Amino acid sequence: MAKVKIDARQVLSDIRAGLGDLALMQKYRLSSKGLQSLFRKLVEAQLIRQFEIDERMPLMEKTVDIAVFRCPRCEMPQFTEFEECPQCGVIVSKFREKQPAPVPVERDEALKPATKKPAPSKPVMQERIFRGNLRRTGVYEGKSIDRLTELRWKFKTGGWVSVSPAVNGFGAYFGSLDGFLYLVDHVTGLEKWRFQTGGAIYSSCSIVDSLAFFGSLDGHLYSVDARSGELRSKFGTGSPIYSSPAVAGDKFFFGSLDGHLYSVAVTSQLVRWRFKTGGPVYSSPSIADETIFFGSLDGCLYALDLVWGKERWKFKTRGPVTTAAVIGKNLALFGSGDGNFYAVDASTGHEKWCFKTNDKVTSGAAIVGDVVYFGSADRRVYAIDIMTGMEKWNFETGGAIYSSPAVAATKIYFGSGDRHLYALDLADGKEIWKFRTGGPVYSAPAISDGIIYFGSDDGHLYAIG
C-alpha cells in the first residue's frame, strides 16, 4: 500500500492555525495511527517541537485514575486502606505523627539578605535555582550587559539545548536533547564531565547542597554530585519529565507527564505526597509562603499546601498551562495556551486581571517592581503593570518567543525563534543589542558575573558578554 505524501509546509500551517486532530485526519485522510506517525516525523525532522504536539491533548488519549493506597514509608500499594503495612509493618498513623516539621521557606528568595563571608580560596558550590529563586522571578544579581563585546565561547552538544543553564564557581550545568547533563568550565567553555541519561533533557537543573537535580524524558528525576558528575540517586515516575525541580528543605518537588506533582525526600527517596491533576504536568513548580504553585495540561494552575500536598485552590483557563508561575505582590502570574496572561490572588486563586495576546503564552515571566515581563508565541515580549494589567510596552521579534526572560539591573534578555538573543531596556523596551545563533533560541538565559549563558537549537551552549 502506497504511503500518503503530505506537504510539510501546509500541514505545519494547519497545525499552528489550530486545526484539531479530527479535522487533520479528515483533510489528509489519516487514521489515528497515521496522525501520530505524522506528528512523530515532524518532530524527528525538527520542523516542530515535541511540546507543541503534547499540548494538543489528542482526542484519542484519555486519562483515568484508580484507587490505590500506598504505605507512606515503603510505598507498597494496596487496594484498600490499611493501618499496619503488611510489607514493612509500620503503623501508618504513628509514622505520620513522627515526621519532622517542615523547614520554613523564605517569603522571597530574591530579597533574602546576603551574609558576608570570607573570600574563598577555591570555587564555592553556590546554590543555583531555575529562574533565580523559588518564586521564579527571573532576576539575577549584578550589573547589566549594556554593550555586547564578544562571544566568550560556545560548546557543542549532540542535540538542541533548550534548558536554562545553572552557573556557579564550578562552571555551567545544562542538559541537551542528546541525553547528557554537562558541566563545562564557565571561563574556558571546556568540558569537565558529562552524565548520560536514557532520554532527552528539557529540565533545567537546580544546584543545592552540592547536588544537581534535573529530570529526563526517560522518566527519572536525577541527582548527581555537582563536582564529579557521579550519580547519587534517581527517582522514576514511568513517564517523561520536562519539569525543572524545586528543592526546599529536605525535599524536591517536580511534575511528570503521568499527571502528578511529586514531593520526594532527598535522602531516602521516599514519596511524601503526590497530587493528581487532569493532565500531564510540564510546569516547573514555584514556592512561596508554604504554598507550591504549578500548572497542568488540564488548563489549571494549582496551589497546594507545601507540607501535605492538599489543594488550596485551582484556577481554570481555556488552554494548557505549561510554564512556571512567578510569585510576587501576593499574586501568581502565568500564561496559558489560550493566549492569555493571568494575575490571580496567590492566597485565594481569584482572578485580578487577564491580558490577551495573539497566540499561546508558554514563556515564564520576570517580575521587577510593579512590572511583569513575558513573551508570547505571537513574537512579542510584553511589559505589563502588575496592579492594573495595562500594557506599558511591547517589542516584536521575527519568531515565536518560548524563552523565559531574565533580568539584570536595567536590562531584560530573552531568546526568539528568529535565532537571536535580545537585550532590551526595561523602562521602554528599546532594543540595546541582539546576538545571532544557528538555530531558534528557546532557552531561558542565565546571568553570572557579567556573562550571559544560554542554549540554542543549533546544539550549542553560548557564553557572551
Protein backbone atom coordinates (compact mmCIF):
# COMPACT_ATOMS: atom_id res chain seq x y z
CA MET A 1 0.00 0.00 0.00
CA ALA A 2 1.45 3.35 -1.08
CA LYS A 3 2.32 5.80 1.67
CA VAL A 4 0.41 9.07 1.80
CA LYS A 5 2.59 12.05 0.80
CA ILE A 6 1.82 15.24 2.71
CA ASP A 7 3.08 18.76 2.10
CA ALA A 8 5.03 19.51 5.30
CA ARG A 9 4.67 23.27 4.91
CA GLN A 10 0.88 23.04 4.58
CA VAL A 11 0.36 20.65 7.48
CA LEU A 12 2.57 22.82 9.74
CA SER A 13 0.46 25.83 8.79
CA ASP A 14 -2.72 23.88 9.64
CA ILE A 15 -1.37 22.70 12.99
CA ARG A 16 -0.27 26.17 14.07
CA ALA A 17 -3.57 27.64 12.87
CA GLY A 18 -5.28 25.45 15.49
CA LEU A 19 -6.76 22.72 13.27
CA GLY A 20 -7.93 19.89 15.54
CA ASP A 21 -6.98 16.22 15.33
CA LEU A 22 -10.23 15.10 13.68
CA ALA A 23 -10.01 17.90 11.12
CA LEU A 24 -6.41 16.96 10.28
CA MET A 25 -7.37 13.29 9.93
CA GLN A 26 -10.22 14.16 7.57
CA LYS A 27 -8.25 16.67 5.49
CA TYR A 28 -5.25 14.38 4.96
CA ARG A 29 -7.18 11.07 5.06
CA LEU A 30 -5.27 9.70 8.03
CA SER A 31 -6.12 7.15 10.70
CA SER A 32 -5.34 7.96 14.32
CA LYS A 33 -2.17 5.88 13.96
CA GLY A 34 -1.27 7.77 10.80
CA LEU A 35 -1.76 11.09 12.58
CA GLN A 36 0.59 10.01 15.36
CA SER A 37 3.12 8.91 12.72
CA LEU A 38 2.84 12.34 11.07
CA PHE A 39 3.48 14.13 14.38
CA ARG A 40 6.47 11.90 15.13
CA LYS A 41 8.08 12.55 11.73
CA LEU A 42 7.61 16.30 12.04
CA VAL A 43 9.40 16.22 15.42
CA GLU A 44 12.20 13.97 14.11
CA ALA A 45 12.71 16.35 11.18
CA GLN A 46 12.95 19.22 13.72
CA LEU A 47 10.12 21.06 11.99
CA ILE A 48 8.05 21.21 15.17
CA ARG A 49 8.87 20.78 18.85
CA GLN A 50 7.57 17.92 20.96
CA PHE A 51 5.74 20.09 23.47
CA GLU A 52 3.71 21.68 20.64
CA ILE A 53 2.36 18.21 19.87
CA ASP A 54 1.87 17.25 23.52
CA GLU A 55 -0.11 20.43 24.21
CA ARG A 56 -2.74 19.35 21.68
CA MET A 57 -4.12 16.69 24.11
CA PRO A 58 -5.21 14.33 21.27
CA LEU A 59 -8.81 13.12 21.41
CA MET A 60 -7.72 9.50 21.22
CA GLU A 61 -5.96 9.82 24.59
CA LYS A 62 -7.90 9.80 27.83
CA THR A 63 -6.64 9.80 31.40
CA VAL A 64 -8.06 7.72 34.22
CA ASP A 65 -7.33 7.41 37.88
CA ILE A 66 -7.56 4.33 40.10
CA ALA A 67 -7.93 3.95 43.84
CA VAL A 68 -4.60 2.73 45.22
CA PHE A 69 -3.42 3.17 48.80
CA ARG A 70 0.32 3.29 49.49
CA CYS A 71 2.37 2.94 52.63
CA PRO A 72 3.95 6.34 53.44
CA ARG A 73 7.16 4.59 54.42
CA CYS A 74 7.85 1.80 51.87
CA GLU A 75 5.36 2.85 49.16
CA MET A 76 3.82 -0.65 48.86
CA PRO A 77 0.44 -0.38 47.05
CA GLN A 78 -2.82 -1.89 48.36
CA PHE A 79 -6.38 -1.85 47.05
CA THR A 80 -7.87 -0.89 50.43
CA GLU A 81 -6.79 1.46 53.20
CA PHE A 82 -4.73 -0.10 56.00
CA GLU A 83 -3.41 0.88 59.41
CA GLU A 84 -0.46 -1.55 59.56
CA CYS A 85 1.58 -2.07 56.41
CA PRO A 86 1.81 -5.80 55.53
CA GLN A 87 5.17 -5.18 53.83
CA CYS A 88 7.23 -3.22 56.37
CA GLY A 89 4.96 -3.41 59.44
CA VAL A 90 4.85 0.33 60.10
CA ILE A 91 1.80 1.76 61.88
CA VAL A 92 0.69 4.40 59.38
CA SER A 93 -0.81 6.93 61.82
CA LYS A 94 2.20 6.80 64.15
CA PHE A 95 4.64 7.09 61.24
CA ARG A 96 2.94 10.26 60.03
CA GLU A 97 2.91 11.77 63.53
CA LYS A 98 6.67 11.30 63.81
CA GLN A 99 7.51 13.07 60.55
CA PRO A 100 9.70 16.14 61.16
CA ALA A 101 8.22 19.61 60.90
CA PRO A 102 8.85 21.27 57.53
CA VAL A 103 11.79 23.55 57.05
CA PRO A 104 10.39 27.10 56.61
CA VAL A 105 10.61 28.51 53.10
CA GLU A 106 11.78 32.07 52.66
CA ARG A 107 8.98 34.55 51.85
CA ASP A 108 11.01 35.84 48.93
CA GLU A 109 14.28 34.18 47.98
CA ALA A 110 15.10 37.11 45.69
CA LEU A 111 15.01 39.55 48.61
CA LYS A 112 16.89 37.33 51.07
CA PRO A 113 19.69 39.45 52.61
CA ALA A 114 23.18 38.38 51.72
CA THR A 115 25.55 37.39 54.51
CA LYS A 116 29.17 38.38 54.26
CA LYS A 117 31.68 35.53 54.22
CA PRO A 118 35.46 35.45 53.95
CA ALA A 119 36.71 35.37 50.37
CA PRO A 120 37.15 31.69 49.42
CA SER A 121 40.48 30.39 48.17
CA LYS A 122 38.72 27.96 45.79
CA PRO A 123 35.36 27.86 43.99
CA VAL A 124 32.30 27.76 46.21
CA MET A 125 29.39 25.44 45.41
CA GLN A 126 26.77 28.19 45.32
CA GLU A 127 23.10 27.29 45.25
CA ARG A 128 21.61 27.87 41.80
CA ILE A 129 17.89 27.56 41.09
CA PHE A 130 15.94 27.71 37.83
CA ARG A 131 14.68 31.29 37.21
CA GLY A 132 16.90 32.59 40.01
CA ASN A 133 14.83 31.59 43.05
CA LEU A 134 11.87 29.51 44.21
CA ARG A 135 9.44 32.28 43.29
CA ARG A 136 10.80 32.02 39.70
CA THR A 137 11.20 35.80 39.38
CA GLY A 138 13.88 35.59 36.66
CA VAL A 139 16.00 38.28 38.35
CA TYR A 140 19.78 37.90 38.64
CA GLU A 141 22.17 39.90 40.77
CA GLY A 142 24.93 42.00 39.30
CA LYS A 143 25.32 44.57 36.55
CA SER A 144 23.56 44.52 33.19
CA ILE A 145 25.40 43.76 29.96
CA ASP A 146 24.82 47.06 28.17
CA ARG A 147 27.22 46.51 25.29
CA LEU A 148 27.84 43.19 23.60
CA THR A 149 31.60 42.90 23.26
CA GLU A 150 32.34 39.30 22.33
CA LEU A 151 31.43 35.65 22.13
CA ARG A 152 33.39 34.19 25.04
CA TRP A 153 32.88 30.59 23.89
CA LYS A 154 30.31 28.12 22.61
CA PHE A 155 30.08 24.44 23.48
CA LYS A 156 28.71 21.88 21.01
CA THR A 157 26.37 19.05 22.11
CA GLY A 158 24.60 16.36 20.10
CA GLY A 159 21.13 17.92 20.32
CA TRP A 160 19.07 21.05 20.96
CA VAL A 161 19.89 22.98 24.11
CA SER A 162 16.50 24.23 25.32
CA VAL A 163 17.21 24.40 29.06
CA SER A 164 18.33 27.27 31.21
CA PRO A 165 21.90 26.66 32.44
CA ALA A 166 22.82 26.85 36.12
CA VAL A 167 26.13 28.68 36.60
CA ASN A 168 28.38 28.88 39.67
CA GLY A 169 32.09 28.90 40.51
CA PHE A 170 32.50 25.34 39.22
CA GLY A 171 31.01 26.01 35.80
CA ALA A 172 27.82 25.89 33.75
CA TYR A 173 25.47 22.93 34.24
CA PHE A 174 22.97 22.15 31.49
CA GLY A 175 21.26 19.33 29.65
CA SER A 176 20.77 18.63 25.96
CA LEU A 177 18.39 16.63 23.82
CA ASP A 178 21.32 14.24 23.29
CA GLY A 179 20.51 12.91 26.79
CA PHE A 180 23.59 14.23 28.61
CA LEU A 181 23.90 16.64 31.51
CA TYR A 182 27.12 18.63 31.05
CA LEU A 183 29.41 20.65 33.28
CA VAL A 184 31.65 23.00 31.31
CA ASP A 185 34.15 25.49 32.67
CA HIS A 186 32.43 28.88 32.76
CA VAL A 187 35.64 30.71 31.78
CA THR A 188 37.04 28.48 29.00
CA GLY A 189 33.98 26.52 27.85
CA LEU A 190 35.92 23.25 28.18
CA GLU A 191 34.06 20.14 29.30
CA LYS A 192 34.67 18.96 32.87
CA TRP A 193 32.28 15.99 32.86
CA ARG A 194 29.10 14.67 31.32
CA PHE A 195 26.40 12.39 32.75
CA GLN A 196 24.25 10.24 30.46
CA THR A 197 20.54 9.58 30.96
CA GLY A 198 18.22 7.44 28.88
CA GLY A 199 16.35 10.31 27.23
CA ALA A 200 16.43 13.92 26.09
CA ILE A 201 16.76 16.63 28.77
CA TYR A 202 14.36 19.59 28.73
CA SER A 203 14.51 20.05 32.52
CA SER A 204 16.74 22.83 33.86
CA CYS A 205 18.78 21.70 36.85
CA SER A 206 18.94 23.14 40.35
CA ILE A 207 22.21 23.06 42.33
CA VAL A 208 21.55 22.61 46.06
CA ASP A 209 23.90 21.19 48.72
CA SER A 210 26.48 20.06 46.13
CA LEU A 211 23.85 18.09 44.19
CA ALA A 212 22.45 18.82 40.73
CA PHE A 213 18.75 17.88 40.44
CA PHE A 214 17.13 17.53 36.99
CA GLY A 215 14.65 15.41 35.06
CA SER A 216 14.89 13.42 31.83
CA LEU A 217 12.43 12.14 29.25
CA ASP A 218 13.49 8.64 30.35
CA GLY A 219 11.05 9.17 33.24
CA HIS A 220 13.58 9.74 36.05
CA LEU A 221 14.43 12.66 38.32
CA TYR A 222 18.19 12.51 38.90
CA SER A 223 20.54 13.90 41.49
CA VAL A 224 24.25 13.82 40.64
CA ASP A 225 27.30 15.08 42.50
CA ALA A 226 27.82 18.61 41.23
CA ARG A 227 31.62 18.31 41.48
CA SER A 228 32.21 14.88 39.96
CA GLY A 229 29.06 14.13 37.96
CA GLU A 230 28.59 10.82 39.77
CA LEU A 231 25.05 9.52 40.24
CA ARG A 232 23.69 9.95 43.75
CA SER A 233 20.05 8.94 43.21
CA LYS A 234 17.30 8.63 40.63
CA PHE A 235 13.56 8.53 41.13
CA GLY A 236 11.30 7.02 38.48
CA THR A 237 7.75 8.03 37.59
CA GLY A 238 7.33 5.90 34.47
CA SER A 239 6.62 8.99 32.34
CA PRO A 240 8.82 11.72 30.81
CA ILE A 241 9.84 14.66 33.00
CA TYR A 242 10.06 18.14 31.48
CA SER A 243 9.55 19.95 34.79
CA SER A 244 12.52 21.70 36.41
CA PRO A 245 12.63 20.64 40.08
CA ALA A 246 12.30 22.90 43.11
CA VAL A 247 14.30 21.94 46.20
CA ALA A 248 13.11 23.22 49.59
CA GLY A 249 14.30 21.90 52.93
CA ASP A 250 14.88 18.15 52.65
CA LYS A 251 12.50 17.55 49.72
CA PHE A 252 12.42 18.09 45.98
CA PHE A 253 9.25 18.83 44.02
CA PHE A 254 8.57 18.27 40.32
CA GLY A 255 5.89 17.37 37.80
CA SER A 256 5.65 14.39 35.45
CA LEU A 257 3.70 13.58 32.30
CA ASP A 258 1.94 10.91 34.37
CA GLY A 259 -0.19 13.84 35.59
CA HIS A 260 1.23 14.11 39.12
CA LEU A 261 3.21 16.64 41.09
CA TYR A 262 5.62 14.85 43.44
CA SER A 263 7.15 15.67 46.80
CA VAL A 264 10.12 13.35 47.44
CA ALA A 265 12.61 13.18 50.32
CA VAL A 266 16.13 13.98 49.10
CA THR A 267 17.94 11.40 51.24
CA SER A 268 15.53 8.44 51.41
CA GLN A 269 13.84 9.00 48.02
CA LEU A 270 10.51 8.24 49.71
CA VAL A 271 7.40 9.90 48.31
CA ARG A 272 6.00 12.30 50.92
CA TRP A 273 2.97 13.00 48.77
CA ARG A 274 1.82 13.07 45.16
CA PHE A 275 -1.00 15.12 43.70
CA LYS A 276 -3.01 14.02 40.67
CA THR A 277 -4.16 16.54 38.05
CA GLY A 278 -6.32 16.05 34.98
CA GLY A 279 -3.42 16.14 32.51
CA PRO A 280 0.35 15.85 32.06
CA VAL A 281 2.45 18.26 34.13
CA TYR A 282 5.15 20.10 32.17
CA SER A 283 5.25 23.08 34.51
CA SER A 284 8.07 23.73 36.95
CA PRO A 285 6.72 24.38 40.46
CA SER A 286 7.10 27.70 42.27
CA ILE A 287 7.16 28.02 46.07
CA ALA A 288 6.18 30.89 48.36
CA ASP A 289 4.67 31.15 51.86
CA GLU A 290 4.31 27.36 52.44
CA THR A 291 2.43 27.04 49.14
CA ILE A 292 3.51 25.34 45.92
CA PHE A 293 2.13 26.55 42.58
CA PHE A 294 2.19 24.68 39.25
CA GLY A 295 0.25 24.21 36.03
CA SER A 296 -1.12 21.24 34.10
CA LEU A 297 -2.26 20.46 30.57
CA ASP A 298 -5.76 20.20 32.04
CA GLY A 299 -5.74 24.03 31.84
CA CYS A 300 -5.45 24.72 35.57
CA LEU A 301 -2.96 26.46 37.82
CA TYR A 302 -2.90 24.68 41.18
CA ALA A 303 -1.92 25.91 44.64
CA LEU A 304 -1.16 23.18 47.19
CA ASP A 305 -0.11 23.05 50.81
CA LEU A 306 3.65 22.50 50.67
CA VAL A 307 3.78 20.02 53.55
CA TRP A 308 0.81 17.73 52.86
CA GLY A 309 0.07 18.33 49.19
CA LYS A 310 -3.56 19.29 49.84
CA GLU A 311 -5.25 21.53 47.30
CA ARG A 312 -5.79 25.12 48.46
CA TRP A 313 -7.28 26.31 45.19
CA LYS A 314 -7.13 25.86 41.44
CA PHE A 315 -7.71 28.38 38.68
CA LYS A 316 -9.11 27.21 35.34
CA THR A 317 -8.01 28.65 31.98
CA ARG A 318 -9.08 27.65 28.47
CA GLY A 319 -5.72 26.21 27.45
CA PRO A 320 -2.79 24.16 28.78
CA VAL A 321 -0.60 25.73 31.49
CA THR A 322 2.96 24.59 30.81
CA THR A 323 5.09 27.31 32.34
CA ALA A 324 6.18 28.17 35.87
CA ALA A 325 4.15 30.85 37.64
CA VAL A 326 6.06 33.83 39.01
CA ILE A 327 5.02 34.85 42.52
CA GLY A 328 5.13 38.48 43.65
CA LYS A 329 2.92 41.17 45.23
CA ASN A 330 0.76 38.32 46.60
CA LEU A 331 -0.05 37.38 43.01
CA ALA A 332 0.57 34.27 40.93
CA LEU A 333 1.31 35.44 37.37
CA PHE A 334 1.36 32.97 34.48
CA GLY A 335 0.46 32.34 30.85
CA SER A 336 -1.79 29.79 29.16
CA GLY A 337 -2.16 28.13 25.79
CA ASP A 338 -5.41 30.10 25.43
CA GLY A 339 -3.28 33.17 24.60
CA ASN A 340 -3.89 34.97 27.91
CA PHE A 341 -1.57 36.03 30.70
CA TYR A 342 -3.24 35.89 34.11
CA ALA A 343 -2.77 37.51 37.51
CA VAL A 344 -4.57 35.69 40.34
CA ASP A 345 -4.54 36.25 44.07
CA ALA A 346 -1.89 33.89 45.50
CA SER A 347 -3.95 33.30 48.66
CA THR A 348 -7.41 32.72 47.16
CA GLY A 349 -6.95 31.98 43.45
CA HIS A 350 -9.34 34.79 42.48
CA GLU A 351 -8.58 36.49 39.18
CA LYS A 352 -7.24 40.05 39.42
CA TRP A 353 -6.77 40.70 35.72
CA CYS A 354 -6.20 38.97 32.39
CA PHE A 355 -4.12 40.26 29.44
CA LYS A 356 -4.84 38.96 25.93
CA THR A 357 -2.05 38.23 23.43
CA ASN A 358 -2.40 36.93 19.87
CA ASP A 359 -1.07 33.41 20.49
CA LYS A 360 -0.26 30.94 23.26
CA VAL A 361 1.88 32.01 26.21
CA THR A 362 4.39 29.34 27.22
CA SER A 363 7.11 31.75 28.31
CA GLY A 364 7.74 32.15 32.01
CA ALA A 365 7.71 35.70 33.35
CA ALA A 366 10.15 38.01 35.11
CA ILE A 367 8.96 40.47 37.73
CA VAL A 368 10.72 43.72 38.69
CA GLY A 369 8.99 46.20 40.98
CA ASP A 370 5.44 46.73 39.71
CA VAL A 371 6.03 45.37 36.20
CA VAL A 372 5.88 41.80 34.87
CA TYR A 373 7.63 40.83 31.61
CA PHE A 374 6.81 37.78 29.47
CA GLY A 375 6.88 36.51 25.89
CA SER A 376 4.21 35.06 23.61
CA ALA A 377 4.20 32.84 20.53
CA ASP A 378 2.81 35.93 18.75
CA ARG A 379 6.50 37.01 18.53
CA ARG A 380 6.28 39.74 21.15
CA VAL A 381 7.62 40.43 24.62
CA TYR A 382 5.23 42.40 26.82
CA ALA A 383 5.72 44.65 29.86
CA ILE A 384 2.53 44.81 31.95
CA ASP A 385 1.70 46.86 35.04
CA ILE A 386 1.11 44.35 37.85
CA MET A 387 -1.51 46.40 39.65
CA THR A 388 -3.70 47.30 36.65
CA GLY A 389 -2.93 44.72 33.97
CA MET A 390 -2.32 47.56 31.49
CA GLU A 391 0.38 47.31 28.83
CA LYS A 392 3.43 49.57 29.26
CA TRP A 393 5.23 48.48 26.10
CA ASN A 394 5.76 45.54 23.75
CA PHE A 395 8.61 44.53 21.46
CA GLU A 396 8.21 42.42 18.32
CA THR A 397 10.80 39.91 17.07
CA GLY A 398 10.88 37.73 13.96
CA GLY A 399 9.84 34.48 15.67
CA ALA A 400 7.77 32.90 18.41
CA ILE A 401 9.02 33.52 21.94
CA TYR A 402 9.11 30.48 24.21
CA SER A 403 12.20 31.68 26.09
CA SER A 404 11.56 32.97 29.61
CA PRO A 405 13.15 36.43 30.04
CA ALA A 406 15.95 37.12 32.51
CA VAL A 407 16.64 40.50 34.12
CA ALA A 408 19.86 42.03 35.43
CA ALA A 409 19.86 45.63 36.66
CA THR A 410 18.16 47.76 33.95
CA LYS A 411 18.10 45.26 31.07
CA ILE A 412 15.95 42.27 30.05
CA TYR A 413 17.30 39.34 28.00
CA PHE A 414 15.39 36.64 26.10
CA GLY A 415 15.59 34.39 23.06
CA SER A 416 13.36 34.16 19.98
CA GLY A 417 12.53 31.64 17.30
CA ASP A 418 14.22 34.02 14.85
CA ARG A 419 17.57 32.65 16.15
CA HIS A 420 18.55 35.72 18.20
CA LEU A 421 19.12 36.52 21.83
CA TYR A 422 17.86 40.06 22.55
CA ALA A 423 18.72 42.70 25.13
CA LEU A 424 16.13 45.45 25.77
CA ASP A 425 15.89 48.40 28.11
CA LEU A 426 13.49 47.58 30.95
CA ALA A 427 11.95 51.05 31.04
CA ASP A 428 10.86 51.49 27.43
CA GLY A 429 11.52 48.17 25.62
CA LYS A 430 14.05 49.69 23.22
CA GLU A 431 16.49 47.22 21.65
CA ILE A 432 20.05 47.53 23.02
CA TRP A 433 21.63 44.70 21.03
CA LYS A 434 20.94 41.24 19.63
CA PHE A 435 23.11 38.18 19.07
CA ARG A 436 22.52 35.64 16.29
CA THR A 437 22.92 31.86 16.69
CA GLY A 438 22.48 29.00 14.23
CA GLY A 439 19.03 27.97 15.48
CA PRO A 440 15.93 29.12 17.38
CA VAL A 441 16.66 30.27 20.94
CA TYR A 442 14.05 28.84 23.32
CA SER A 443 16.41 28.58 26.31
CA ALA A 444 15.91 30.95 29.24
CA PRO A 445 19.22 32.80 29.70
CA ALA A 446 21.14 32.77 32.98
CA ILE A 447 23.40 35.63 34.04
CA SER A 448 26.52 35.41 36.20
CA ASP A 449 29.38 37.89 36.72
CA GLY A 450 28.54 39.97 33.66
CA ILE A 451 28.24 36.97 31.30
CA ILE A 452 25.04 35.65 29.70
CA TYR A 453 24.74 31.88 29.27
CA PHE A 454 22.03 30.37 27.07
CA GLY A 455 21.30 27.49 24.73
CA SER A 456 20.20 27.30 21.10
CA ASP A 457 18.54 24.68 18.95
CA ASP A 458 21.74 24.69 16.89
CA GLY A 459 23.04 22.38 19.65
CA HIS A 460 25.36 24.86 21.41
CA LEU A 461 25.54 26.49 24.81
CA TYR A 462 26.77 30.08 24.41
CA ALA A 463 28.61 32.42 26.76
CA ILE A 464 28.55 36.06 25.64
CA GLY A 465 29.28 39.37 27.28
